[in-house]
Amino acid sequence: MLFIADSTTLTRPDHLVLGVDLLDDDRRPFRCIPPELWGIDNNLNIANMDWAEFADAVDENGVSRGSPRSLLRVPGSPVTAQRHERKLVLFLR
Protein backbone atom coordinates (compact mmCIF):
# COMPACT_ATOMS: atom_id res chain seq x y z
CA MET A 1 0.00 0.00 0.00
CA LEU A 2 1.32 3.37 -1.01
CA PHE A 3 -0.38 6.68 -0.27
CA ILE A 4 0.54 9.37 -2.78
CA ALA A 5 0.20 13.12 -2.45
CA ASP A 6 0.02 14.10 -6.11
CA SER A 7 -1.09 17.27 -7.90
CA THR A 8 -4.75 16.45 -7.18
CA THR A 9 -3.96 16.14 -3.48
CA LEU A 10 -2.13 19.44 -3.42
CA THR A 11 -4.57 21.48 -5.49
CA ARG A 12 -8.03 20.32 -4.37
CA PRO A 13 -9.56 21.84 -1.24
CA ASP A 14 -10.35 18.38 0.20
CA HIS A 15 -6.73 17.16 -0.43
CA LEU A 16 -7.69 13.70 -1.70
CA VAL A 17 -4.84 11.23 -1.21
CA LEU A 18 -4.29 8.49 -3.81
CA GLY A 19 -4.05 4.93 -2.49
CA VAL A 20 -2.28 2.33 -4.64
CA ASP A 21 -1.70 -1.37 -3.97
CA LEU A 22 1.87 -2.14 -5.05
CA LEU A 23 1.50 -5.91 -4.70
CA ASP A 24 -1.41 -6.50 -7.05
CA ASP A 25 -1.89 -4.66 -10.35
CA ASP A 26 -5.50 -5.87 -10.58
CA ARG A 27 -6.57 -3.85 -7.56
CA ARG A 28 -7.83 -0.48 -8.67
CA PRO A 29 -6.45 2.63 -6.98
CA PHE A 30 -8.80 4.90 -5.08
CA ARG A 31 -8.64 8.22 -3.29
CA CYS A 32 -9.42 8.97 0.33
CA ILE A 33 -9.88 12.04 2.45
CA PRO A 34 -6.89 12.63 4.78
CA PRO A 35 -8.78 11.92 8.05
CA GLU A 36 -9.59 8.40 6.77
CA LEU A 37 -6.06 7.52 5.67
CA TRP A 38 -5.02 6.14 9.08
CA GLY A 39 -8.05 3.84 9.25
CA ILE A 40 -7.41 2.38 5.82
CA ASP A 41 -3.72 1.85 6.55
CA ASN A 42 -4.29 0.33 9.99
CA ASN A 43 -7.07 -2.02 8.90
CA LEU A 44 -5.05 -3.28 5.93
CA ASN A 45 -1.91 -3.74 8.03
CA ILE A 46 -3.62 -5.86 10.67
CA ALA A 47 -5.67 -7.71 8.01
CA ASN A 48 -8.90 -6.62 9.69
CA MET A 49 -10.24 -5.57 6.28
CA ASP A 50 -9.03 -6.10 2.75
CA TRP A 51 -8.42 -3.82 -0.22
CA ALA A 52 -11.71 -4.68 -1.92
CA GLU A 53 -13.75 -3.56 1.09
CA PHE A 54 -12.30 -0.06 0.81
CA ALA A 55 -12.21 0.08 -3.00
CA ASP A 56 -15.83 -1.08 -3.24
CA ALA A 57 -17.02 1.47 -0.67
CA VAL A 58 -15.95 4.60 -2.54
CA ASP A 59 -18.50 7.24 -3.50
CA GLU A 60 -19.56 8.10 -7.05
CA ASN A 61 -16.31 10.06 -7.50
CA GLY A 62 -14.09 7.14 -6.46
CA VAL A 63 -13.34 8.61 -3.02
CA SER A 64 -13.36 6.81 0.33
CA ARG A 65 -14.91 9.23 2.81
CA GLY A 66 -15.41 6.90 5.74
CA SER A 67 -15.23 3.35 6.94
CA PRO A 68 -17.15 0.89 4.77
CA ARG A 69 -18.35 -0.65 8.01
CA SER A 70 -20.44 1.49 10.29
CA LEU A 71 -19.44 -0.80 13.12
CA LEU A 72 -15.89 -2.19 13.35
CA ARG A 73 -15.23 -5.31 15.44
CA VAL A 74 -11.96 -6.83 16.49
CA PRO A 75 -12.29 -10.63 16.23
CA GLY A 76 -12.17 -12.30 19.64
CA SER A 77 -12.31 -8.97 21.45
CA PRO A 78 -15.03 -7.61 23.74
CA VAL A 79 -14.34 -4.15 22.33
CA THR A 80 -16.53 -2.65 19.64
CA ALA A 81 -15.58 0.61 17.99
CA GLN A 82 -18.15 2.89 16.47
CA ARG A 83 -17.56 6.20 14.71
CA HIS A 84 -19.55 9.18 15.93
CA GLU A 85 -18.89 12.34 13.97
CA ARG A 86 -15.10 12.77 14.19
CA LYS A 87 -14.55 10.71 17.33
CA LEU A 88 -13.85 7.02 17.76
CA VAL A 89 -15.88 5.66 20.66
CA LEU A 90 -15.11 2.29 22.27
CA PHE A 91 -17.75 0.15 23.94
CA LEU A 92 -16.90 -2.76 26.26
CA ARG A 93 -19.24 -5.71 26.46
PDB file of N, CA and C in Angstrom:
ATOM      1  N   MET A   1       0.847  -1.174   0.000  1.00  0.00           N
ATOM      2  CA  MET A   1       0.000   0.000   0.000  1.00  0.00           C
ATOM      3  C   MET A   1       0.887   1.231   0.000  1.00  0.00           C
ATOM      4  N   LEU A   2       0.589   2.110  -0.923  1.00  0.00           N
ATOM      5  CA  LEU A   2       1.316   3.371  -1.005  1.00  0.00           C
ATOM      6  C   LEU A   2       0.295   4.494  -1.075  1.00  0.00           C
ATOM      7  N   PHE A   3       0.456   5.489  -0.220  1.00  0.00           N
ATOM      8  CA  PHE A   3      -0.376   6.682  -0.267  1.00  0.00           C
ATOM      9  C   PHE A   3       0.433   7.765  -0.958  1.00  0.00           C
ATOM     10  N   ILE A   4      -0.178   8.400  -1.963  1.00  0.00           N
ATOM     11  CA  ILE A   4       0.537   9.369  -2.783  1.00  0.00           C
ATOM     12  C   ILE A   4      -0.132  10.734  -2.695  1.00  0.00           C
ATOM     13  N   ALA A   5       0.666  11.735  -2.390  1.00  0.00           N
ATOM     14  CA  ALA A   5       0.201  13.125  -2.447  1.00  0.00           C
ATOM     15  C   ALA A   5       0.634  13.668  -3.798  1.00  0.00           C
ATOM     16  N   ASP A   6      -0.288  13.655  -4.754  1.00  0.00           N
ATOM     17  CA  ASP A   6       0.021  14.103  -6.111  1.00  0.00           C
ATOM     18  C   ASP A   6      -0.560  15.500  -6.350  1.00  0.00           C
ATOM     19  N   SER A   7      -0.592  15.921  -7.602  1.00  0.00           N
ATOM     20  CA  SER A   7      -1.088  17.272  -7.903  1.00  0.00           C
ATOM     21  C   SER A   7      -2.555  17.435  -7.507  1.00  0.00           C
ATOM     22  N   THR A   8      -3.342  16.373  -7.621  1.00  0.00           N
ATOM     23  CA  THR A   8      -4.745  16.452  -7.183  1.00  0.00           C
ATOM     24  C   THR A   8      -4.818  16.686  -5.677  1.00  0.00           C
ATOM     25  N   THR A   9      -3.991  15.975  -4.934  1.00  0.00           N
ATOM     26  CA  THR A   9      -3.960  16.141  -3.477  1.00  0.00           C
ATOM     27  C   THR A   9      -3.606  17.572  -3.097  1.00  0.00           C
ATOM     28  N   LEU A  10      -2.643  18.125  -3.787  1.00  0.00           N
ATOM     29  CA  LEU A  10      -2.127  19.442  -3.422  1.00  0.00           C
ATOM     30  C   LEU A  10      -2.975  20.601  -3.927  1.00  0.00           C
ATOM     31  N   THR A  11      -3.815  20.365  -4.921  1.00  0.00           N
ATOM     32  CA  THR A  11      -4.575  21.479  -5.492  1.00  0.00           C
ATOM     33  C   THR A  11      -6.057  21.484  -5.124  1.00  0.00           C
ATOM     34  N   ARG A  12      -6.609  20.358  -4.738  1.00  0.00           N
ATOM     35  CA  ARG A  12      -8.034  20.324  -4.373  1.00  0.00           C
ATOM     36  C   ARG A  12      -8.226  20.752  -2.930  1.00  0.00           C
ATOM     37  N   PRO A  13      -9.328  21.395  -2.619  1.00  0.00           N
ATOM     38  CA  PRO A  13      -9.560  21.837  -1.242  1.00  0.00           C
ATOM     39  C   PRO A  13      -9.734  20.688  -0.248  1.00  0.00           C
ATOM     40  N   ASP A  14     -10.183  19.516  -0.719  1.00  0.00           N
ATOM     41  CA  ASP A  14     -10.346  18.380   0.196  1.00  0.00           C
ATOM     42  C   ASP A  14      -9.105  17.484   0.253  1.00  0.00           C
ATOM     43  N   HIS A  15      -8.043  17.826  -0.487  1.00  0.00           N
ATOM     44  CA  HIS A  15      -6.728  17.161  -0.428  1.00  0.00           C
ATOM     45  C   HIS A  15      -6.819  15.633  -0.521  1.00  0.00           C
ATOM     46  N   LEU A  16      -7.498  15.139  -1.533  1.00  0.00           N
ATOM     47  CA  LEU A  16      -7.694  13.698  -1.699  1.00  0.00           C
ATOM     48  C   LEU A  16      -6.373  12.983  -1.951  1.00  0.00           C
ATOM     49  N   VAL A  17      -6.072  12.004  -1.121  1.00  0.00           N
ATOM     50  CA  VAL A  17      -4.837  11.227  -1.207  1.00  0.00           C
ATOM     51  C   VAL A  17      -5.100   9.985  -2.058  1.00  0.00           C
ATOM     52  N   LEU A  18      -4.172   9.659  -2.940  1.00  0.00           N
ATOM     53  CA  LEU A  18      -4.294   8.489  -3.807  1.00  0.00           C
ATOM     54  C   LEU A  18      -3.717   7.265  -3.104  1.00  0.00           C
ATOM     55  N   GLY A  19      -4.503   6.194  -3.066  1.00  0.00           N
ATOM     56  CA  GLY A  19      -4.046   4.931  -2.490  1.00  0.00           C
ATOM     57  C   GLY A  19      -3.829   3.914  -3.587  1.00  0.00           C
ATOM     58  N   VAL A  20      -2.648   3.293  -3.601  1.00  0.00           N
ATOM     59  CA  VAL A  20      -2.280   2.326  -4.639  1.00  0.00           C
ATOM     60  C   VAL A  20      -1.763   1.066  -3.966  1.00  0.00           C
ATOM     61  N   ASP A  21      -2.211  -0.085  -4.450  1.00  0.00           N
ATOM     62  CA  ASP A  21      -1.695  -1.366  -3.973  1.00  0.00           C
ATOM     63  C   ASP A  21      -0.513  -1.753  -4.848  1.00  0.00           C
ATOM     64  N   LEU A  22       0.658  -1.838  -4.287  1.00  0.00           N
ATOM     65  CA  LEU A  22       1.866  -2.140  -5.052  1.00  0.00           C
ATOM     66  C   LEU A  22       2.066  -3.636  -5.296  1.00  0.00           C
ATOM     67  N   LEU A  23       1.308  -4.472  -4.578  1.00  0.00           N
ATOM     68  CA  LEU A  23       1.502  -5.912  -4.697  1.00  0.00           C
ATOM     69  C   LEU A  23       0.599  -6.569  -5.728  1.00  0.00           C
ATOM     70  N   ASP A  24      -0.458  -5.881  -6.133  1.00  0.00           N
ATOM     71  CA  ASP A  24      -1.413  -6.496  -7.049  1.00  0.00           C
ATOM     72  C   ASP A  24      -1.902  -5.456  -8.053  1.00  0.00           C
ATOM     73  N   ASP A  25      -1.509  -5.606  -9.303  1.00  0.00           N
ATOM     74  CA  ASP A  25      -1.895  -4.660 -10.354  1.00  0.00           C
ATOM     75  C   ASP A  25      -3.384  -4.687 -10.653  1.00  0.00           C
ATOM     76  N   ASP A  26      -4.068  -5.759 -10.288  1.00  0.00           N
ATOM     77  CA  ASP A  26      -5.499  -5.875 -10.575  1.00  0.00           C
ATOM     78  C   ASP A  26      -6.367  -5.061  -9.626  1.00  0.00           C
ATOM     79  N   ARG A  27      -5.800  -4.633  -8.526  1.00  0.00           N
ATOM     80  CA  ARG A  27      -6.574  -3.849  -7.561  1.00  0.00           C
ATOM     81  C   ARG A  27      -6.557  -2.384  -7.967  1.00  0.00           C
ATOM     82  N   ARG A  28      -7.744  -1.851  -8.181  1.00  0.00           N
ATOM     83  CA  ARG A  28      -7.832  -0.478  -8.667  1.00  0.00           C
ATOM     84  C   ARG A  28      -7.482   0.528  -7.567  1.00  0.00           C
ATOM     85  N   PRO A  29      -6.760   1.564  -7.934  1.00  0.00           N
ATOM     86  CA  PRO A  29      -6.446   2.626  -6.980  1.00  0.00           C
ATOM     87  C   PRO A  29      -7.719   3.392  -6.607  1.00  0.00           C
ATOM     88  N   PHE A  30      -7.697   4.036  -5.477  1.00  0.00           N
ATOM     89  CA  PHE A  30      -8.800   4.903  -5.082  1.00  0.00           C
ATOM     90  C   PHE A  30      -8.243   6.057  -4.261  1.00  0.00           C
ATOM     91  N   ARG A  31      -9.035   7.072  -4.084  1.00  0.00           N
ATOM     92  CA  ARG A  31      -8.638   8.224  -3.286  1.00  0.00           C
ATOM     93  C   ARG A  31      -9.380   8.212  -1.965  1.00  0.00           C
ATOM     94  N   CYS A  32      -8.772   8.845  -0.978  1.00  0.00           N
ATOM     95  CA  CYS A  32      -9.425   8.968   0.327  1.00  0.00           C
ATOM     96  C   CYS A  32      -9.185  10.366   0.887  1.00  0.00           C
ATOM     97  N   ILE A  33     -10.081  10.772   1.772  1.00  0.00           N
ATOM     98  CA  ILE A  33      -9.881  12.042   2.449  1.00  0.00           C
ATOM     99  C   ILE A  33      -8.817  11.817   3.531  1.00  0.00           C
ATOM    100  N   PRO A  34      -7.988  12.813   3.819  1.00  0.00           N
ATOM    101  CA  PRO A  34      -6.892  12.630   4.776  1.00  0.00           C
ATOM    102  C   PRO A  34      -7.297  12.073   6.145  1.00  0.00           C
ATOM    103  N   PRO A  35      -8.435  12.484   6.736  1.00  0.00           N
ATOM    104  CA  PRO A  35      -8.780  11.918   8.050  1.00  0.00           C
ATOM    105  C   PRO A  35      -9.048  10.416   8.028  1.00  0.00           C
ATOM    106  N   GLU A  36      -9.318   9.835   6.864  1.00  0.00           N
ATOM    107  CA  GLU A  36      -9.585   8.399   6.775  1.00  0.00           C
ATOM    108  C   GLU A  36      -8.356   7.574   6.424  1.00  0.00           C
ATOM    109  N   LEU A  37      -7.274   8.221   6.084  1.00  0.00           N
ATOM    110  CA  LEU A  37      -6.058   7.520   5.667  1.00  0.00           C
ATOM    111  C   LEU A  37      -5.556   6.557   6.745  1.00  0.00           C
ATOM    112  N   TRP A  38      -5.530   6.997   7.986  1.00  0.00           N
ATOM    113  CA  TRP A  38      -5.023   6.142   9.079  1.00  0.00           C
ATOM    114  C   TRP A  38      -5.867   4.883   9.221  1.00  0.00           C
ATOM    115  N   GLY A  39      -7.190   5.000   9.091  1.00  0.00           N
ATOM    116  CA  GLY A  39      -8.053   3.835   9.251  1.00  0.00           C
ATOM    117  C   GLY A  39      -7.853   2.811   8.151  1.00  0.00           C
ATOM    118  N   ILE A  40      -7.673   3.284   6.937  1.00  0.00           N
ATOM    119  CA  ILE A  40      -7.406   2.379   5.822  1.00  0.00           C
ATOM    120  C   ILE A  40      -6.082   1.666   6.042  1.00  0.00           C
ATOM    121  N   ASP A  41      -5.050   2.425   6.342  1.00  0.00           N
ATOM    122  CA  ASP A  41      -3.721   1.853   6.551  1.00  0.00           C
ATOM    123  C   ASP A  41      -3.723   0.845   7.697  1.00  0.00           C
ATOM    124  N   ASN A  42      -4.289   1.225   8.828  1.00  0.00           N
ATOM    125  CA  ASN A  42      -4.295   0.330   9.993  1.00  0.00           C
ATOM    126  C   ASN A  42      -5.074  -0.949   9.727  1.00  0.00           C
ATOM    127  N   ASN A  43      -6.257  -0.835   9.141  1.00  0.00           N
ATOM    128  CA  ASN A  43      -7.071  -2.025   8.902  1.00  0.00           C
ATOM    129  C   ASN A  43      -6.454  -2.960   7.875  1.00  0.00           C
ATOM    130  N   LEU A  44      -5.763  -2.417   6.884  1.00  0.00           N
ATOM    131  CA  LEU A  44      -5.051  -3.275   5.931  1.00  0.00           C
ATOM    132  C   LEU A  44      -3.844  -3.931   6.593  1.00  0.00           C
ATOM    133  N   ASN A  45      -3.114  -3.197   7.398  1.00  0.00           N
ATOM    134  CA  ASN A  45      -1.908  -3.736   8.030  1.00  0.00           C
ATOM    135  C   ASN A  45      -2.194  -4.860   9.018  1.00  0.00           C
ATOM    136  N   ILE A  46      -3.308  -4.794   9.713  1.00  0.00           N
ATOM    137  CA  ILE A  46      -3.625  -5.861  10.671  1.00  0.00           C
ATOM    138  C   ILE A  46      -4.552  -6.912  10.049  1.00  0.00           C
ATOM    139  N   ALA A  47      -4.816  -6.782   8.755  1.00  0.00           N
ATOM    140  CA  ALA A  47      -5.673  -7.714   8.011  1.00  0.00           C
ATOM    141  C   ALA A  47      -7.079  -7.790   8.606  1.00  0.00           C
ATOM    142  N   ASN A  48      -7.534  -6.694   9.176  1.00  0.00           N
ATOM    143  CA  ASN A  48      -8.900  -6.620   9.686  1.00  0.00           C
ATOM    144  C   ASN A  48      -9.884  -6.453   8.530  1.00  0.00           C
ATOM    145  N   MET A  49      -9.436  -5.777   7.478  1.00  0.00           N
ATOM    146  CA  MET A  49     -10.235  -5.567   6.278  1.00  0.00           C
ATOM    147  C   MET A  49      -9.311  -5.730   5.087  1.00  0.00           C
ATOM    148  N   ASP A  50      -9.889  -5.957   3.922  1.00  0.00           N
ATOM    149  CA  ASP A  50      -9.025  -6.101   2.754  1.00  0.00           C
ATOM    150  C   ASP A  50      -9.261  -4.948   1.769  1.00  0.00           C
ATOM    151  N   TRP A  51      -8.409  -4.903   0.761  1.00  0.00           N
ATOM    152  CA  TRP A  51      -8.418  -3.819  -0.220  1.00  0.00           C
ATOM    153  C   TRP A  51      -9.802  -3.639  -0.840  1.00  0.00           C
ATOM    154  N   ALA A  52     -10.421  -4.738  -1.229  1.00  0.00           N
ATOM    155  CA  ALA A  52     -11.710  -4.676  -1.918  1.00  0.00           C
ATOM    156  C   ALA A  52     -12.780  -3.999  -1.070  1.00  0.00           C
ATOM    157  N   GLU A  53     -12.747  -4.192   0.238  1.00  0.00           N
ATOM    158  CA  GLU A  53     -13.747  -3.555   1.092  1.00  0.00           C
ATOM    159  C   GLU A  53     -13.664  -2.035   1.005  1.00  0.00           C
ATOM    160  N   PHE A  54     -12.458  -1.511   0.930  1.00  0.00           N
ATOM    161  CA  PHE A  54     -12.297  -0.058   0.808  1.00  0.00           C
ATOM    162  C   PHE A  54     -12.574   0.404  -0.619  1.00  0.00           C
ATOM    163  N   ALA A  55     -12.030  -0.308  -1.591  1.00  0.00           N
ATOM    164  CA  ALA A  55     -12.207   0.080  -2.996  1.00  0.00           C
ATOM    165  C   ALA A  55     -13.671   0.007  -3.419  1.00  0.00           C
ATOM    166  N   ASP A  56     -14.416  -0.932  -2.883  1.00  0.00           N
ATOM    167  CA  ASP A  56     -15.830  -1.078  -3.240  1.00  0.00           C
ATOM    168  C   ASP A  56     -16.727  -0.087  -2.507  1.00  0.00           C
ATOM    169  N   ALA A  57     -16.214   0.561  -1.486  1.00  0.00           N
ATOM    170  CA  ALA A  57     -17.023   1.475  -0.670  1.00  0.00           C
ATOM    171  C   ALA A  57     -16.802   2.946  -1.017  1.00  0.00           C
ATOM    172  N   VAL A  58     -16.179   3.205  -2.154  1.00  0.00           N
ATOM    173  CA  VAL A  58     -15.948   4.599  -2.539  1.00  0.00           C
ATOM    174  C   VAL A  58     -17.253   5.229  -3.031  1.00  0.00           C
ATOM    175  N   ASP A  59     -17.309   6.547  -3.013  1.00  0.00           N
ATOM    176  CA  ASP A  59     -18.495   7.241  -3.500  1.00  0.00           C
ATOM    177  C   ASP A  59     -18.497   7.306  -5.029  1.00  0.00           C
ATOM    178  N   GLU A  60     -19.435   8.029  -5.588  1.00  0.00           N
ATOM    179  CA  GLU A  60     -19.562   8.101  -7.047  1.00  0.00           C
ATOM    180  C   GLU A  60     -18.363   8.744  -7.727  1.00  0.00           C
ATOM    181  N   ASN A  61     -17.522   9.440  -6.958  1.00  0.00           N
ATOM    182  CA  ASN A  61     -16.310  10.059  -7.503  1.00  0.00           C
ATOM    183  C   ASN A  61     -15.056   9.226  -7.252  1.00  0.00           C
ATOM    184  N   GLY A  62     -15.226   8.008  -6.728  1.00  0.00           N
ATOM    185  CA  GLY A  62     -14.089   7.139  -6.460  1.00  0.00           C
ATOM    186  C   GLY A  62     -13.314   7.506  -5.207  1.00  0.00           C
ATOM    187  N   VAL A  63     -13.998   8.129  -4.233  1.00  0.00           N
ATOM    188  CA  VAL A  63     -13.341   8.612  -3.017  1.00  0.00           C
ATOM    189  C   VAL A  63     -13.895   7.888  -1.789  1.00  0.00           C
ATOM    190  N   SER A  64     -12.986   7.394  -0.956  1.00  0.00           N
ATOM    191  CA  SER A  64     -13.362   6.810   0.327  1.00  0.00           C
ATOM    192  C   SER A  64     -13.477   7.946   1.336  1.00  0.00           C
ATOM    193  N   ARG A  65     -14.671   8.134   1.870  1.00  0.00           N
ATOM    194  CA  ARG A  65     -14.913   9.232   2.813  1.00  0.00           C
ATOM    195  C   ARG A  65     -15.208   8.742   4.216  1.00  0.00           C
ATOM    196  N   GLY A  66     -15.155   7.456   4.424  1.00  0.00           N
ATOM    197  CA  GLY A  66     -15.408   6.900   5.745  1.00  0.00           C
ATOM    198  C   GLY A  66     -15.314   5.399   5.703  1.00  0.00           C
ATOM    199  N   SER A  67     -15.354   4.793   6.863  1.00  0.00           N
ATOM    200  CA  SER A  67     -15.233   3.350   6.942  1.00  0.00           C
ATOM    201  C   SER A  67     -16.379   2.666   6.219  1.00  0.00           C
ATOM    202  N   PRO A  68     -16.081   1.627   5.428  1.00  0.00           N
ATOM    203  CA  PRO A  68     -17.147   0.893   4.769  1.00  0.00           C
ATOM    204  C   PRO A  68     -18.008   0.117   5.754  1.00  0.00           C
ATOM    205  N   ARG A  69     -17.558   0.009   6.964  1.00  0.00           N
ATOM    206  CA  ARG A  69     -18.345  -0.652   8.005  1.00  0.00           C
ATOM    207  C   ARG A  69     -18.749   0.413   9.015  1.00  0.00           C
ATOM    208  N   SER A  70     -20.017   0.506   9.301  1.00  0.00           N
ATOM    209  CA  SER A  70     -20.443   1.491  10.290  1.00  0.00           C
ATOM    210  C   SER A  70     -20.043   1.031  11.688  1.00  0.00           C
ATOM    211  N   LEU A  71     -19.836  -0.247  11.844  1.00  0.00           N
ATOM    212  CA  LEU A  71     -19.437  -0.799  13.124  1.00  0.00           C
ATOM    213  C   LEU A  71     -18.237  -1.705  12.903  1.00  0.00           C
ATOM    214  N   LEU A  72     -17.103  -1.390  13.509  1.00  0.00           N
ATOM    215  CA  LEU A  72     -15.887  -2.191  13.351  1.00  0.00           C
ATOM    216  C   LEU A  72     -15.727  -3.093  14.563  1.00  0.00           C
ATOM    217  N   ARG A  73     -15.431  -4.372  14.344  1.00  0.00           N
ATOM    218  CA  ARG A  73     -15.225  -5.307  15.445  1.00  0.00           C
ATOM    219  C   ARG A  73     -13.855  -5.930  15.320  1.00  0.00           C
ATOM    220  N   VAL A  74     -13.232  -6.128  16.441  1.00  0.00           N
ATOM    221  CA  VAL A  74     -11.962  -6.827  16.489  1.00  0.00           C
ATOM    222  C   VAL A  74     -12.272  -8.270  16.851  1.00  0.00           C
ATOM    223  N   PRO A  75     -11.953  -9.230  15.961  1.00  0.00           N
ATOM    224  CA  PRO A  75     -12.290 -10.627  16.232  1.00  0.00           C
ATOM    225  C   PRO A  75     -11.729 -11.098  17.574  1.00  0.00           C
ATOM    226  N   GLY A  76     -12.587 -11.766  18.351  1.00  0.00           N
ATOM    227  CA  GLY A  76     -12.173 -12.303  19.639  1.00  0.00           C
ATOM    228  C   GLY A  76     -12.034 -11.262  20.733  1.00  0.00           C
ATOM    229  N   SER A  77     -12.459 -10.048  20.471  1.00  0.00           N
ATOM    230  CA  SER A  77     -12.313  -8.975  21.450  1.00  0.00           C
ATOM    231  C   SER A  77     -13.676  -8.517  21.941  1.00  0.00           C
ATOM    232  N   PRO A  78     -13.768  -8.145  23.231  1.00  0.00           N
ATOM    233  CA  PRO A  78     -15.028  -7.614  23.743  1.00  0.00           C
ATOM    234  C   PRO A  78     -15.227  -6.145  23.385  1.00  0.00           C
ATOM    235  N   VAL A  79     -14.273  -5.569  22.655  1.00  0.00           N
ATOM    236  CA  VAL A  79     -14.339  -4.146  22.332  1.00  0.00           C
ATOM    237  C   VAL A  79     -14.976  -3.947  20.959  1.00  0.00           C
ATOM    238  N   THR A  80     -15.912  -3.055  20.899  1.00  0.00           N
ATOM    239  CA  THR A  80     -16.533  -2.655  19.640  1.00  0.00           C
ATOM    240  C   THR A  80     -16.258  -1.181  19.455  1.00  0.00           C
ATOM    241  N   ALA A  81     -15.847  -0.805  18.272  1.00  0.00           N
ATOM    242  CA  ALA A  81     -15.575   0.612  17.994  1.00  0.00           C
ATOM    243  C   ALA A  81     -16.629   1.128  17.034  1.00  0.00           C
ATOM    244  N   GLN A  82     -17.158   2.279  17.342  1.00  0.00           N
ATOM    245  CA  GLN A  82     -18.148   2.887  16.468  1.00  0.00           C
ATOM    246  C   GLN A  82     -17.793   4.340  16.267  1.00  0.00           C
ATOM    247  N   ARG A  83     -17.896   4.818  15.017  1.00  0.00           N
ATOM    248  CA  ARG A  83     -17.562   6.200  14.712  1.00  0.00           C
ATOM    249  C   ARG A  83     -18.775   7.093  14.966  1.00  0.00           C
ATOM    250  N   HIS A  84     -18.553   8.145  15.705  1.00  0.00           N
ATOM    251  CA  HIS A  84     -19.554   9.176  15.932  1.00  0.00           C
ATOM    252  C   HIS A  84     -18.925  10.494  15.566  1.00  0.00           C
ATOM    253  N   GLU A  85     -19.440  11.109  14.501  1.00  0.00           N
ATOM    254  CA  GLU A  85     -18.887  12.344  13.971  1.00  0.00           C
ATOM    255  C   GLU A  85     -17.399  12.151  13.726  1.00  0.00           C
ATOM    256  N   ARG A  86     -16.535  12.877  14.419  1.00  0.00           N
ATOM    257  CA  ARG A  86     -15.099  12.771  14.188  1.00  0.00           C
ATOM    258  C   ARG A  86     -14.392  12.041  15.316  1.00  0.00           C
ATOM    259  N   LYS A  87     -15.138  11.383  16.190  1.00  0.00           N
ATOM    260  CA  LYS A  87     -14.548  10.714  17.333  1.00  0.00           C
ATOM    261  C   LYS A  87     -14.672   9.208  17.167  1.00  0.00           C
ATOM    262  N   LEU A  88     -13.764   8.471  17.733  1.00  0.00           N
ATOM    263  CA  LEU A  88     -13.846   7.018  17.763  1.00  0.00           C
ATOM    264  C   LEU A  88     -14.222   6.653  19.190  1.00  0.00           C
ATOM    265  N   VAL A  89     -15.360   5.990  19.348  1.00  0.00           N
ATOM    266  CA  VAL A  89     -15.883   5.660  20.659  1.00  0.00           C
ATOM    267  C   VAL A  89     -15.775   4.156  20.852  1.00  0.00           C
ATOM    268  N   LEU A  90     -15.249   3.719  21.985  1.00  0.00           N
ATOM    269  CA  LEU A  90     -15.106   2.294  22.266  1.00  0.00           C
ATOM    270  C   LEU A  90     -16.170   1.860  23.279  1.00  0.00           C
ATOM    271  N   PHE A  91     -16.765   0.712  23.046  1.00  0.00           N
ATOM    272  CA  PHE A  91     -17.750   0.148  23.945  1.00  0.00           C
ATOM    273  C   PHE A  91     -17.246  -1.213  24.421  1.00  0.00           C
ATOM    274  N   LEU A  92     -17.278  -1.454  25.707  1.00  0.00           N
ATOM    275  CA  LEU A  92     -16.903  -2.757  26.262  1.00  0.00           C
ATOM    276  C   LEU A  92     -18.161  -3.555  26.511  1.00  0.00           C
ATOM    277  N   ARG A  93     -18.085  -4.843  26.202  1.00  0.00           N
ATOM    278  CA  ARG A  93     -19.240  -5.709  26.460  1.00  0.00           C
ATOM    279  C   ARG A  93     -19.000  -6.490  27.724  1.00  0.00           C
TER     280      ARG A  93
END
